[in-house]
Amino acid sequence: MKYLKFIVIIMGLLIFFGTAGIIYIVFDRVFSTKQTLVFPNNDEINQLQIGQNNEIVNANISNDKLILIIKLNQESYIKGKYQIVVFDLKKGKKINNFFIK
């Protein structure tokens, strides 16, 4: 019976500190003044120029970078090829373009 009392006390402490930790994390994220990646202030990403018949094949977000893979159409100067565009989401600027033959 003495071990049962010890286990109940430990479980109560775990519940209390776990709940306090979750509340702290939620309030820290809700009332934080840091810039989030969900709503960047820069509009350069919104002004990405993609040709009329070009197709975005894949879009990934990795380490605060947006990586777009675009299949180029027949009217572009590299027809049937792929273009990889890398954006930095924190700065809101295009980092680099890669063309794959």
Protein backbone atom coordinates (compact mmCIF):
# COMPACT_ATOMS: atom_id res chain seq x y z
CA MET A 1 0.00 0.00 0.00
CA LYS A 2 2.87 2.39 0.58
CA TYR A 3 3.94 2.04 -3.07
CA LEU A 4 0.40 2.81 -4.25
CA LYS A 5 0.49 6.13 -2.38
CA PHE A 6 3.84 6.96 -3.99
CA ILE A 7 2.54 6.10 -7.48
CA VAL A 8 -0.61 8.24 -6.99
CA ILE A 9 1.50 11.24 -5.91
CA ILE A 10 3.84 10.84 -8.92
CA MET A 11 0.89 10.56 -11.34
CA GLY A 12 -0.70 13.68 -9.85
CA LEU A 13 2.54 15.62 -10.32
CA LEU A 14 2.84 14.41 -13.92
CA ILE A 15 -0.73 15.52 -14.69
CA PHE A 16 -0.16 18.94 -13.07
CA PHE A 17 3.17 19.68 -14.78
CA GLY A 18 1.98 18.27 -18.12
CA THR A 19 -1.09 20.49 -18.12
CA ALA A 20 0.97 23.52 -17.03
CA GLY A 21 3.46 22.83 -19.85
CA ILE A 22 0.74 22.58 -22.49
CA ILE A 23 -0.89 25.82 -21.28
CA TYR A 24 2.49 27.60 -21.34
CA ILE A 25 3.24 26.44 -24.91
CA VAL A 26 -0.20 27.47 -26.18
CA PHE A 27 -0.04 30.94 -24.60
CA ASP A 28 3.53 31.43 -25.81
CA ARG A 29 2.54 30.72 -29.41
CA VAL A 30 -0.70 32.69 -29.33
CA PHE A 31 0.74 35.86 -27.78
CA SER A 32 4.19 35.71 -29.37
CA THR A 33 5.40 38.73 -31.36
CA LYS A 34 7.67 36.65 -33.58
CA GLN A 35 6.99 36.55 -37.32
CA THR A 36 5.30 33.30 -38.26
CA LEU A 37 5.71 31.41 -41.51
CA VAL A 38 1.96 31.17 -42.02
CA PHE A 39 1.51 34.87 -42.82
CA PRO A 40 4.75 36.33 -44.18
CA ASN A 41 4.83 40.13 -44.53
CA ASN A 42 6.63 40.12 -47.88
CA ASP A 43 4.59 39.91 -51.09
CA GLU A 44 7.32 38.56 -53.40
CA ILE A 45 6.04 34.99 -53.00
CA ASN A 46 2.56 36.09 -54.07
CA GLN A 47 4.00 37.62 -57.27
CA LEU A 48 5.61 34.44 -58.63
CA GLN A 49 5.34 34.48 -62.41
CA ILE A 50 4.46 31.09 -63.88
CA GLY A 51 3.68 30.61 -67.57
CA GLN A 52 0.14 29.94 -68.69
CA ASN A 53 0.58 26.23 -69.47
CA ASN A 54 3.33 25.52 -66.93
CA GLU A 55 2.46 23.12 -64.16
CA ILE A 56 3.59 23.01 -60.53
CA VAL A 57 4.49 19.35 -60.06
CA ASN A 58 5.58 19.45 -56.42
CA ALA A 59 5.75 21.96 -53.56
CA ASN A 60 7.67 21.31 -50.32
CA ILE A 61 8.51 23.32 -47.22
CA SER A 62 11.82 22.34 -45.65
CA ASN A 63 13.85 24.30 -43.07
CA ASP A 64 11.99 27.59 -43.68
CA LYS A 65 12.39 27.18 -47.45
CA LEU A 66 9.65 26.76 -50.06
CA ILE A 67 10.77 24.48 -52.89
CA LEU A 68 8.66 24.45 -56.07
CA ILE A 69 9.19 22.03 -58.95
CA ILE A 70 7.65 23.42 -62.14
CA LYS A 71 7.25 21.52 -65.43
CA LEU A 72 7.80 23.98 -68.28
CA ASN A 73 5.42 24.02 -71.28
CA GLN A 74 6.18 23.86 -75.01
CA GLU A 75 6.18 27.65 -75.45
CA SER A 76 9.07 28.25 -73.06
CA TYR A 77 12.65 28.27 -74.28
CA ILE A 78 13.40 24.98 -72.48
CA LYS A 79 10.35 22.92 -73.40
CA GLY A 80 9.58 19.70 -71.56
CA LYS A 81 12.12 20.49 -68.86
CA TYR A 82 11.78 21.18 -65.17
CA GLN A 83 12.56 24.26 -63.10
CA ILE A 84 13.21 24.22 -59.36
CA VAL A 85 12.53 27.49 -57.54
CA VAL A 86 13.71 27.96 -53.93
CA PHE A 87 12.21 30.69 -51.70
CA ASP A 88 13.31 31.72 -48.22
CA LEU A 89 10.07 32.07 -46.24
CA LYS A 90 11.61 34.10 -43.41
CA LYS A 91 13.02 36.76 -45.74
CA GLY A 92 10.33 36.36 -48.41
CA LYS A 93 12.86 36.36 -51.26
CA LYS A 94 13.71 34.01 -54.08
CA ILE A 95 17.04 32.29 -53.39
CA ASN A 96 17.76 30.43 -56.61
CA ASN A 97 16.44 28.88 -59.83
CA PHE A 98 17.61 25.53 -61.16
CA PHE A 99 16.82 24.14 -64.61
CA ILE A 100 16.84 20.36 -65.12
CA LYS A 101 17.19 19.02 -68.65
